[in-house]
PDB file of N, CA and C in Angstrom:
ATOM      1  N   UNK A   1      57.236 109.214  46.631  1.00  0.00           N
ATOM      2  CA  UNK A   1      55.603 109.132  46.798  1.00  0.00           C
ATOM      3  C   UNK A   1      55.097 110.450  47.496  1.00  0.00           C
ATOM      4  N   UNK A   2      54.091 110.705  46.959  1.00  0.00           N
ATOM      5  CA  UNK A   2      53.190 111.865  47.548  1.00  0.00           C
ATOM      6  C   UNK A   2      52.079 111.220  48.520  1.00  0.00           C
ATOM      7  N   UNK A   3      51.455 111.980  49.605  1.00  0.00           N
ATOM      8  CA  UNK A   3      50.562 111.596  50.574  1.00  0.00           C
ATOM      9  C   UNK A   3      49.254 111.198  49.521  1.00  0.00           C
ATOM     10  N   UNK A   4      49.054 111.953  48.540  1.00  0.00           N
ATOM     11  CA  UNK A   4      47.831 111.554  47.570  1.00  0.00           C
ATOM     12  C   UNK A   4      48.126 110.274  47.007  1.00  0.00           C
ATOM     13  N   UNK A   5      49.029 110.083  46.456  1.00  0.00           N
ATOM     14  CA  UNK A   5      49.412 108.743  45.718  1.00  0.00           C
ATOM     15  C   UNK A   5      49.016 107.568  46.716  1.00  0.00           C
ATOM     16  N   UNK A   6      49.738 107.852  47.834  1.00  0.00           N
ATOM     17  CA  UNK A   6      49.741 106.612  48.897  1.00  0.00           C
ATOM     18  C   UNK A   6      48.148 106.646  49.415  1.00  0.00           C
ATOM     19  N   UNK A   7      47.432 107.688  49.651  1.00  0.00           N
ATOM     20  CA  UNK A   7      45.986 107.669  49.818  1.00  0.00           C
ATOM     21  C   UNK A   7      45.145 106.773  48.839  1.00  0.00           C
ATOM     22  N   UNK A   8      45.354 107.266  47.653  1.00  0.00           N
ATOM     23  CA  UNK A   8      44.785 106.606  46.605  1.00  0.00           C
ATOM     24  C   UNK A   8      45.027 105.124  46.562  1.00  0.00           C
ATOM     25  N   UNK A   9      46.289 104.508  46.913  1.00  0.00           N
ATOM     26  CA  UNK A   9      46.456 103.180  46.777  1.00  0.00           C
ATOM     27  C   UNK A   9      45.870 102.409  48.007  1.00  0.00           C
ATOM     28  N   UNK A  10      45.779 103.281  49.044  1.00  0.00           N
ATOM     29  CA  UNK A  10      45.162 102.531  50.220  1.00  0.00           C
ATOM     30  C   UNK A  10      43.530 102.333  50.108  1.00  0.00           C
ATOM     31  N   UNK A  11      42.998 103.503  49.454  1.00  0.00           N
ATOM     32  CA  UNK A  11      41.593 103.423  49.295  1.00  0.00           C
ATOM     33  C   UNK A  11      41.268 102.240  48.044  1.00  0.00           C
ATOM     34  N   UNK A  12      42.074 102.111  46.932  1.00  0.00           N
ATOM     35  CA  UNK A  12      42.004 101.255  46.280  1.00  0.00           C
ATOM     36  C   UNK A  12      41.992  99.737  46.763  1.00  0.00           C
ATOM     37  N   UNK A  13      42.768  99.654  47.815  1.00  0.00           N
ATOM     38  CA  UNK A  13      42.920  98.343  48.527  1.00  0.00           C
ATOM     39  C   UNK A  13      41.755  98.136  49.517  1.00  0.00           C
ATOM     40  N   UNK A  14      40.557  98.843  49.526  1.00  0.00           N
ATOM     41  CA  UNK A  14      39.463  98.957  50.246  1.00  0.00           C
ATOM     42  C   UNK A  14      39.731  99.044  51.843  1.00  0.00           C
ATOM     43  N   UNK A  15      40.636 100.067  52.125  1.00  0.00           N
ATOM     44  CA  UNK A  15      41.021 100.536  53.565  1.00  0.00           C
ATOM     45  C   UNK A  15      40.688 101.858  53.618  1.00  0.00           C
ATOM     46  N   UNK A  16      39.784 102.052  54.547  1.00  0.00           N
ATOM     47  CA  UNK A  16      39.117 103.496  54.899  1.00  0.00           C
ATOM     48  C   UNK A  16      40.115 104.348  55.629  1.00  0.00           C
ATOM     49  N   UNK A  17      40.803 105.325  55.055  1.00  0.00           N
ATOM     50  CA  UNK A  17      41.472 106.171  55.942  1.00  0.00           C
ATOM     51  C   UNK A  17      41.550 107.438  55.316  1.00  0.00           C
ATOM     52  N   UNK A  18      41.544 108.726  56.067  1.00  0.00           N
ATOM     53  CA  UNK A  18      41.662 110.005  55.647  1.00  0.00           C
ATOM     54  C   UNK A  18      42.815 110.323  55.115  1.00  0.00           C
ATOM     55  N   UNK A  19      43.012 111.292  54.171  1.00  0.00           N
ATOM     56  CA  UNK A  19      44.159 111.911  53.833  1.00  0.00           C
ATOM     57  C   UNK A  19      44.932 112.641  54.848  1.00  0.00           C
ATOM     58  N   UNK A  20      44.050 113.241  55.851  1.00  0.00           N
ATOM     59  CA  UNK A  20      44.828 113.829  56.916  1.00  0.00           C
ATOM     60  C   UNK A  20      45.505 112.727  57.787  1.00  0.00           C
ATOM     61  N   UNK A  21      45.155 111.546  58.059  1.00  0.00           N
ATOM     62  CA  UNK A  21      45.648 110.416  58.737  1.00  0.00           C
ATOM     63  C   UNK A  21      46.838 110.069  57.864  1.00  0.00           C
ATOM     64  N   UNK A  22      46.775 110.031  56.573  1.00  0.00           N
ATOM     65  CA  UNK A  22      48.044 109.719  55.887  1.00  0.00           C
ATOM     66  C   UNK A  22      49.208 110.728  56.024  1.00  0.00           C
ATOM     67  N   UNK A  23      48.795 111.956  55.865  1.00  0.00           N
ATOM     68  CA  UNK A  23      49.777 113.156  56.069  1.00  0.00           C
ATOM     69  C   UNK A  23      50.414 112.860  57.437  1.00  0.00           C
ATOM     70  N   UNK A  24      49.470 112.781  58.563  1.00  0.00           N
ATOM     71  CA  UNK A  24      50.073 112.603  59.963  1.00  0.00           C
ATOM     72  C   UNK A  24      51.097 111.739  59.932  1.00  0.00           C
ATOM     73  N   UNK A  25      50.740 110.405  59.610  1.00  0.00           N
ATOM     74  CA  UNK A  25      51.586 109.311  59.630  1.00  0.00           C
ATOM     75  C   UNK A  25      52.836 109.446  58.824  1.00  0.00           C
ATOM     76  N   UNK A  26      52.825 109.962  57.738  1.00  0.00           N
ATOM     77  CA  UNK A  26      54.060 110.233  57.058  1.00  0.00           C
ATOM     78  C   UNK A  26      54.902 111.476  57.683  1.00  0.00           C
ATOM     79  N   UNK A  27      54.343 112.331  58.444  1.00  0.00           N
ATOM     80  CA  UNK A  27      55.179 113.271  58.980  1.00  0.00           C
ATOM     81  C   UNK A  27      55.702 112.699  60.488  1.00  0.00           C
ATOM     82  N   UNK A  28      55.137 111.692  60.994  1.00  0.00           N
ATOM     83  CA  UNK A  28      55.474 110.964  62.215  1.00  0.00           C
ATOM     84  C   UNK A  28      56.754 110.294  61.833  1.00  0.00           C
ATOM     85  N   UNK A  29      56.620 109.629  60.581  1.00  0.00           N
ATOM     86  CA  UNK A  29      57.905 108.687  59.890  1.00  0.00           C
ATOM     87  C   UNK A  29      58.944 109.790  59.714  1.00  0.00           C
ATOM     88  N   UNK A  30      58.566 110.886  59.259  1.00  0.00           N
ATOM     89  CA  UNK A  30      59.800 111.830  58.843  1.00  0.00           C
ATOM     90  C   UNK A  30      60.273 112.375  60.054  1.00  0.00           C
ATOM     91  N   UNK A  31      59.492 112.597  61.114  1.00  0.00           N
ATOM     92  CA  UNK A  31      60.201 113.041  62.484  1.00  0.00           C
ATOM     93  C   UNK A  31      60.830 111.952  62.998  1.00  0.00           C
ATOM     94  N   UNK A  32      60.748 110.830  62.796  1.00  0.00           N
ATOM     95  CA  UNK A  32      61.556 109.597  63.478  1.00  0.00           C
ATOM     96  C   UNK A  32      62.701 109.455  62.626  1.00  0.00           C
ATOM     97  N   UNK A  33      62.909 110.151  61.350  1.00  0.00           N
ATOM     98  CA  UNK A  33      64.086 109.686  60.576  1.00  0.00           C
ATOM     99  C   UNK A  33      63.886 108.480  59.586  1.00  0.00           C
ATOM    100  N   UNK A  34      62.626 107.936  59.626  1.00  0.00           N
ATOM    101  CA  UNK A  34      62.348 107.092  58.615  1.00  0.00           C
ATOM    102  C   UNK A  34      62.094 107.315  57.060  1.00  0.00           C
ATOM    103  N   UNK A  35      61.706 108.730  56.872  1.00  0.00           N
ATOM    104  CA  UNK A  35      61.314 109.348  55.691  1.00  0.00           C
ATOM    105  C   UNK A  35      61.825 110.626  55.648  1.00  0.00           C
ATOM    106  N   UNK A  36      62.090 111.120  54.588  1.00  0.00           N
ATOM    107  CA  UNK A  36      62.646 112.577  54.269  1.00  0.00           C
ATOM    108  C   UNK A  36      61.665 113.250  53.435  1.00  0.00           C
ATOM    109  N   UNK A  37      61.082 114.459  53.720  1.00  0.00           N
ATOM    110  CA  UNK A  37      60.020 115.089  53.208  1.00  0.00           C
ATOM    111  C   UNK A  37      60.864 116.165  52.204  1.00  0.00           C
ATOM    112  N   UNK A  38      60.508 115.928  50.842  1.00  0.00           N
ATOM    113  CA  UNK A  38      61.011 116.752  49.795  1.00  0.00           C
ATOM    114  C   UNK A  38      59.686 117.868  49.490  1.00  0.00           C
ATOM    115  N   UNK A  39      59.934 118.902  49.399  1.00  0.00           N
ATOM    116  CA  UNK A  39      58.942 119.947  49.111  1.00  0.00           C
ATOM    117  C   UNK A  39      59.374 120.481  47.841  1.00  0.00           C
ATOM    118  N   UNK A  40      58.757 120.355  46.803  1.00  0.00           N
ATOM    119  CA  UNK A  40      58.858 120.865  45.424  1.00  0.00           C
ATOM    120  C   UNK A  40      58.341 122.311  45.122  1.00  0.00           C
ATOM    121  N   UNK A  41      57.143 122.386  45.661  1.00  0.00           N
ATOM    122  CA  UNK A  41      56.462 123.632  45.641  1.00  0.00           C
ATOM    123  C   UNK A  41      55.503 123.834  46.873  1.00  0.00           C
ATOM    124  N   UNK A  42      54.641 125.021  46.946  1.00  0.00           N
ATOM    125  CA  UNK A  42      53.893 125.173  47.904  1.00  0.00           C
ATOM    126  C   UNK A  42      52.729 124.087  47.960  1.00  0.00           C
ATOM    127  N   UNK A  43      52.471 123.372  47.034  1.00  0.00           N
ATOM    128  CA  UNK A  43      51.216 122.605  46.934  1.00  0.00           C
ATOM    129  C   UNK A  43      51.688 121.070  46.821  1.00  0.00           C
ATOM    130  N   UNK A  44      52.883 120.688  46.696  1.00  0.00           N
ATOM    131  CA  UNK A  44      53.395 119.256  46.447  1.00  0.00           C
ATOM    132  C   UNK A  44      54.459 119.089  47.290  1.00  0.00           C
ATOM    133  N   UNK A  45      54.461 117.827  48.081  1.00  0.00           N
ATOM    134  CA  UNK A  45      55.533 117.360  48.976  1.00  0.00           C
ATOM    135  C   UNK A  45      55.617 115.934  48.538  1.00  0.00           C
ATOM    136  N   UNK A  46      57.076 115.453  48.435  1.00  0.00           N
ATOM    137  CA  UNK A  46      57.212 114.073  48.182  1.00  0.00           C
ATOM    138  C   UNK A  46      57.872 113.340  49.665  1.00  0.00           C
ATOM    139  N   UNK A  47      57.605 112.294  49.909  1.00  0.00           N
ATOM    140  CA  UNK A  47      58.045 111.493  50.910  1.00  0.00           C
ATOM    141  C   UNK A  47      59.070 110.444  50.528  1.00  0.00           C
ATOM    142  N   UNK A  48      60.320 110.717  50.814  1.00  0.00           N
ATOM    143  CA  UNK A  48      61.344 109.796  50.381  1.00  0.00           C
ATOM    144  C   UNK A  48      61.999 108.712  51.289  1.00  0.00           C
ATOM    145  N   UNK A  49      62.173 107.550  51.129  1.00  0.00           N
ATOM    146  CA  UNK A  49      62.687 106.535  51.835  1.00  0.00           C
ATOM    147  C   UNK A  49      64.121 106.627  51.969  1.00  0.00           C
ATOM    148  N   UNK A  50      64.664 107.229  51.015  1.00  0.00           N
ATOM    149  CA  UNK A  50      66.234 107.294  51.096  1.00  0.00           C
ATOM    150  C   UNK A  50      66.566 108.640  51.910  1.00  0.00           C
ATOM    151  N   UNK A  51      67.075 108.374  52.932  1.00  0.00           N
ATOM    152  CA  UNK A  51      67.341 109.405  54.068  1.00  0.00           C
ATOM    153  C   UNK A  51      68.739 109.790  53.978  1.00  0.00           C
ATOM    154  N   UNK A  52      69.425 109.344  53.101  1.00  0.00           N
ATOM    155  CA  UNK A  52      71.124 109.614  53.014  1.00  0.00           C
ATOM    156  C   UNK A  52      71.057 110.896  52.452  1.00  0.00           C
ATOM    157  N   UNK A  53      72.251 111.527  52.532  1.00  0.00           N
ATOM    158  CA  UNK A  53      72.519 112.923  51.938  1.00  0.00           C
ATOM    159  C   UNK A  53      72.514 112.828  50.407  1.00  0.00           C
ATOM    160  N   UNK A  54      71.553 113.430  49.818  1.00  0.00           N
ATOM    161  CA  UNK A  54      71.429 113.333  48.307  1.00  0.00           C
ATOM    162  C   UNK A  54      70.688 114.391  47.731  1.00  0.00           C
ATOM    163  N   UNK A  55      70.480 114.773  46.546  1.00  0.00           N
ATOM    164  CA  UNK A  55      69.561 115.706  45.928  1.00  0.00           C
ATOM    165  C   UNK A  55      68.548 115.084  45.043  1.00  0.00           C
ATOM    166  N   UNK A  56      67.885 116.057  44.360  1.00  0.00           N
ATOM    167  CA  UNK A  56      66.806 115.528  43.451  1.00  0.00           C
ATOM    168  C   UNK A  56      66.723 116.152  42.010  1.00  0.00           C
ATOM    169  N   UNK A  57      66.283 115.398  41.148  1.00  0.00           N
ATOM    170  CA  UNK A  57      66.094 115.956  39.898  1.00  0.00           C
ATOM    171  C   UNK A  57      64.268 115.914  39.792  1.00  0.00           C
ATOM    172  N   UNK A  58      63.915 117.024  39.399  1.00  0.00           N
ATOM    173  CA  UNK A  58      62.213 117.174  39.549  1.00  0.00           C
ATOM    174  C   UNK A  58      61.916 117.283  38.016  1.00  0.00           C
ATOM    175  N   UNK A  59      61.105 116.402  37.428  1.00  0.00           N
ATOM    176  CA  UNK A  59      60.544 116.581  36.202  1.00  0.00           C
ATOM    177  C   UNK A  59      59.173 117.309  36.258  1.00  0.00           C
ATOM    178  N   UNK A  60      59.173 118.674  35.801  1.00  0.00           N
ATOM    179  CA  UNK A  60      57.986 119.315  36.055  1.00  0.00           C
ATOM    180  C   UNK A  60      56.778 118.933  35.153  1.00  0.00           C
ATOM    181  N   UNK A  61      57.038 118.296  33.949  1.00  0.00           N
ATOM    182  CA  UNK A  61      56.087 117.748  33.105  1.00  0.00           C
ATOM    183  C   UNK A  61      55.204 116.743  33.537  1.00  0.00           C
ATOM    184  N   UNK A  62      56.047 115.608  34.330  1.00  0.00           N
ATOM    185  CA  UNK A  62      55.477 114.421  34.549  1.00  0.00           C
ATOM    186  C   UNK A  62      55.133 114.455  36.236  1.00  0.00           C
ATOM    187  N   UNK A  63      55.917 115.214  36.903  1.00  0.00           N
ATOM    188  CA  UNK A  63      55.823 115.258  38.327  1.00  0.00           C
ATOM    189  C   UNK A  63      56.809 114.185  38.986  1.00  0.00           C
ATOM    190  N   UNK A  64      57.636 113.479  38.183  1.00  0.00           N
ATOM    191  CA  UNK A  64      58.481 112.318  38.768  1.00  0.00           C
ATOM    192  C   UNK A  64      59.733 113.100  39.446  1.00  0.00           C
ATOM    193  N   UNK A  65      60.276 112.527  40.448  1.00  0.00           N
ATOM    194  CA  UNK A  65      61.411 113.036  41.107  1.00  0.00           C
ATOM    195  C   UNK A  65      62.373 111.845  40.980  1.00  0.00           C
ATOM    196  N   UNK A  66      63.526 112.120  40.795  1.00  0.00           N
ATOM    197  CA  UNK A  66      64.776 111.179  40.766  1.00  0.00           C
ATOM    198  C   UNK A  66      65.923 111.496  41.493  1.00  0.00           C
ATOM    199  N   UNK A  67      66.592 110.747  42.345  1.00  0.00           N
ATOM    200  CA  UNK A  67      67.696 110.883  43.313  1.00  0.00           C
ATOM    201  C   UNK A  67      68.864 111.219  42.372  1.00  0.00           C
ATOM    202  N   UNK A  68      69.580 112.291  42.992  1.00  0.00           N
ATOM    203  CA  UNK A  68      70.861 112.593  42.343  1.00  0.00           C
ATOM    204  C   UNK A  68      71.981 112.348  43.442  1.00  0.00           C
ATOM    205  N   UNK A  69      72.901 111.417  43.425  1.00  0.00           N
ATOM    206  CA  UNK A  69      73.949 111.413  44.520  1.00  0.00           C
ATOM    207  C   UNK A  69      74.521 112.548  45.066  1.00  0.00           C
ATOM    208  N   UNK A  70      74.751 112.487  46.309  1.00  0.00           N
ATOM    209  CA  UNK A  70      75.059 113.789  47.110  1.00  0.00           C
ATOM    210  C   UNK A  70      76.415 114.261  46.622  1.00  0.00           C
ATOM    211  N   UNK A  71      77.452 113.568  45.941  1.00  0.00           N
ATOM    212  CA  UNK A  71      78.587 113.995  45.508  1.00  0.00           C
ATOM    213  C   UNK A  71      78.512 114.447  44.302  1.00  0.00           C
ATOM    214  N   UNK A  72      77.443 114.410  43.490  1.00  0.00           N
ATOM    215  CA  UNK A  72      77.340 114.953  42.140  1.00  0.00           C
ATOM    216  C   UNK A  72      77.050 116.534  42.423  1.00  0.00           C
ATOM    217  N   UNK A  73      76.549 117.005  43.280  1.00  0.00           N
ATOM    218  CA  UNK A  73      76.542 118.626  43.328  1.00  0.00           C
ATOM    219  C   UNK A  73      77.212 119.091  44.433  1.00  0.00           C
ATOM    220  N   UNK A  74      78.073 120.119  44.088  1.00  0.00           N
ATOM    221  CA  UNK A  74      78.940 120.877  45.093  1.00  0.00           C
ATOM    222  C   UNK A  74      78.351 122.227  45.422  1.00  0.00           C
ATOM    223  N   UNK A  75      78.016 122.672  46.652  1.00  0.00           N
ATOM    224  CA  UNK A  75      77.568 123.969  46.979  1.00  0.00           C
ATOM    225  C   UNK A  75      78.793 124.596  47.645  1.00  0.00           C
ATOM    226  N   UNK A  76      79.399 125.481  46.739  1.00  0.00           N
ATOM    227  CA  UNK A  76      80.683 126.192  47.291  1.00  0.00           C
ATOM    228  C   UNK A  76      80.281 127.384  48.283  1.00  0.00           C
ATOM    229  N   UNK A  77      79.230 127.870  48.525  1.00  0.00           N
ATOM    230  CA  UNK A  77      79.174 129.157  49.279  1.00  0.00           C
ATOM    231  C   UNK A  77      77.753 129.236  49.712  1.00  0.00           C
ATOM    232  N   UNK A  78      77.664 129.448  51.140  1.00  0.00           N
ATOM    233  CA  UNK A  78      76.489 129.640  51.798  1.00  0.00           C
ATOM    234  C   UNK A  78      76.551 131.139  52.388  1.00  0.00           C
ATOM    235  N   UNK A  79      75.401 131.770  52.524  1.00  0.00           N
ATOM    236  CA  UNK A  79      75.418 132.917  53.300  1.00  0.00           C
ATOM    237  C   UNK A  79      75.572 132.978  54.903  1.00  0.00           C
ATOM    238  N   UNK A  80      76.184 133.841  55.537  1.00  0.00           N
ATOM    239  CA  UNK A  80      76.383 133.697  56.879  1.00  0.00           C
ATOM    240  C   UNK A  80      75.047 133.225  57.656  1.00  0.00           C
ATOM    241  N   UNK A  81      74.932 132.262  58.508  1.00  0.00           N
ATOM    242  CA  UNK A  81      73.858 131.762  59.498  1.00  0.00           C
ATOM    243  C   UNK A  81      73.749 132.910  60.552  1.00  0.00           C
ATOM    244  N   UNK A  82      72.437 132.909  60.879  1.00  0.00           N
ATOM    245  CA  UNK A  82      72.020 133.713  62.118  1.00  0.00           C
ATOM    246  C   UNK A  82      72.783 133.397  63.387  1.00  0.00           C
ATOM    247  N   UNK A  83      73.111 134.073  64.134  1.00  0.00           N
ATOM    248  CA  UNK A  83      73.898 133.764  65.379  1.00  0.00           C
ATOM    249  C   UNK A  83      73.122 132.591  66.080  1.00  0.00           C
ATOM    250  N   UNK A  84      73.936 131.610  66.446  1.00  0.00           N
ATOM    251  CA  UNK A  84      73.558 130.495  67.224  1.00  0.00           C
ATOM    252  C   UNK A  84      72.909 129.383  66.395  1.00  0.00           C
ATOM    253  N   UNK A  85      72.838 129.582  65.169  1.00  0.00           N
ATOM    254  CA  UNK A  85      72.275 128.412  64.128  1.00  0.00           C
ATOM    255  C   UNK A  85      73.420 127.946  63.274  1.00  0.00           C
ATOM    256  N   UNK A  86      73.186 126.565  63.093  1.00  0.00           N
ATOM    257  CA  UNK A  86      74.182 125.832  62.073  1.00  0.00           C
ATOM    258  C   UNK A  86      73.428 125.191  60.943  1.00  0.00           C
ATOM    259  N   UNK A  87      74.135 125.023  59.815  1.00  0.00           N
ATOM    260  CA  UNK A  87      73.507 124.446  58.779  1.00  0.00           C
ATOM    261  C   UNK A  87      73.415 122.925  59.050  1.00  0.00           C
ATOM    262  N   UNK A  88      72.223 122.243  58.795  1.00  0.00           N
ATOM    263  CA  UNK A  88      72.066 120.813  59.127  1.00  0.00           C
ATOM    264  C   UNK A  88      72.109 120.109  57.917  1.00  0.00           C
ATOM    265  N   UNK A  89      71.569 120.777  56.702  1.00  0.00           N
ATOM    266  CA  UNK A  89      71.642 119.979  55.501  1.00  0.00           C
ATOM    267  C   UNK A  89      71.235 121.044  54.421  1.00  0.00           C
ATOM    268  N   UNK A  90      71.854 120.911  53.273  1.00  0.00           N
ATOM    269  CA  UNK A  90      71.430 121.536  51.936  1.00  0.00           C
ATOM    270  C   UNK A  90      70.693 120.674  51.037  1.00  0.00           C
ATOM    271  N   UNK A  91      69.455 120.977  50.733  1.00  0.00           N
ATOM    272  CA  UNK A  91      68.613 120.354  49.863  1.00  0.00           C
ATOM    273  C   UNK A  91      68.794 121.000  48.477  1.00  0.00           C
ATOM    274  N   UNK A  92      69.148 120.516  47.257  1.00  0.00           N
ATOM    275  CA  UNK A  92      68.878 120.868  46.052  1.00  0.00           C
ATOM    276  C   UNK A  92      68.157 120.202  45.258  1.00  0.00           C
ATOM    277  N   UNK A  93      67.100 120.938  44.569  1.00  0.00           N
ATOM    278  CA  UNK A  93      66.012 120.244  43.548  1.00  0.00           C
ATOM    279  C   UNK A  93      66.270 120.921  42.255  1.00  0.00           C
ATOM    280  N   UNK A  94      66.873 120.158  41.253  1.00  0.00           N
ATOM    281  CA  UNK A  94      67.136 120.625  40.017  1.00  0.00           C
ATOM    282  C   UNK A  94      65.658 120.359  39.097  1.00  0.00           C
ATOM    283  N   UNK A  95      65.152 121.304  38.764  1.00  0.00           N
ATOM    284  CA  UNK A  95      63.819 121.336  37.823  1.00  0.00           C
ATOM    285  C   UNK A  95      64.062 121.347  36.457  1.00  0.00           C
ATOM    286  N   UNK A  96      63.587 120.368  35.937  1.00  0.00           N
ATOM    287  CA  UNK A  96      63.775 120.114  34.375  1.00  0.00           C
ATOM    288  C   UNK A  96      62.361 119.992  33.621  1.00  0.00           C
ATOM    289  N   UNK A  97      62.202 120.515  32.448  1.00  0.00           N
ATOM    290  CA  UNK A  97      61.016 120.421  31.643  1.00  0.00           C
ATOM    291  C   UNK A  97      61.485 120.677  30.156  1.00  0.00           C
ATOM    292  N   UNK A  98      60.711 120.312  29.454  1.00  0.00           N
ATOM    293  CA  UNK A  98      60.775 120.306  28.035  1.00  0.00           C
ATOM    294  C   UNK A  98      61.013 121.819  27.614  1.00  0.00           C
ATOM    295  N   UNK A  99      62.051 122.047  26.577  1.00  0.00           N
ATOM    296  CA  UNK A  99      62.268 123.304  26.097  1.00  0.00           C
ATOM    297  C   UNK A  99      61.205 123.907  25.065  1.00  0.00           C
ATOM    298  N   UNK A 100      60.498 124.871  25.502  1.00  0.00           N
ATOM    299  CA  UNK A 100      59.722 125.655  24.548  1.00  0.00           C
ATOM    300  C   UNK A 100      60.301 126.554  23.911  1.00  0.00           C
ATOM    301  N   UNK A 101      60.314 126.562  22.335  1.00  0.00           N
ATOM    302  CA  UNK A 101      61.024 127.550  21.575  1.00  0.00           C
ATOM    303  C   UNK A 101      60.186 128.806  21.554  1.00  0.00           C
TER     304      UNK A 101
END
C-alpha cells in the first residue's frame, strides 16, 4: 500500500487527515518494525506489512507489488562494506513490464 492510497481510503471514510500525517504515521510504524518501506523509485514508496526477509516483483505498467520469497533469490556477491559497517539486509526489486517490439 502507498501513503496516497491509504490517504484516499481515509478521506473516502469521511475522516479528515493530511497526507503528511499519513506519511508520518507510516514512517513511525516502519521505525517500530511494524511495516517495511519499499522504495521503487524516487517518487513512489510502498509500505509492506510483511516484515520477513523477502523480495519484490514490481509491475511497472500497473504499479502492483508482489512478494517473492526470500529463498527464491540468491545474492552471491556484495562489494566490500566501508569500515565499521555491516550489511543489515539486501532488498531486491525485480521490475517487469510488457515487451515492446
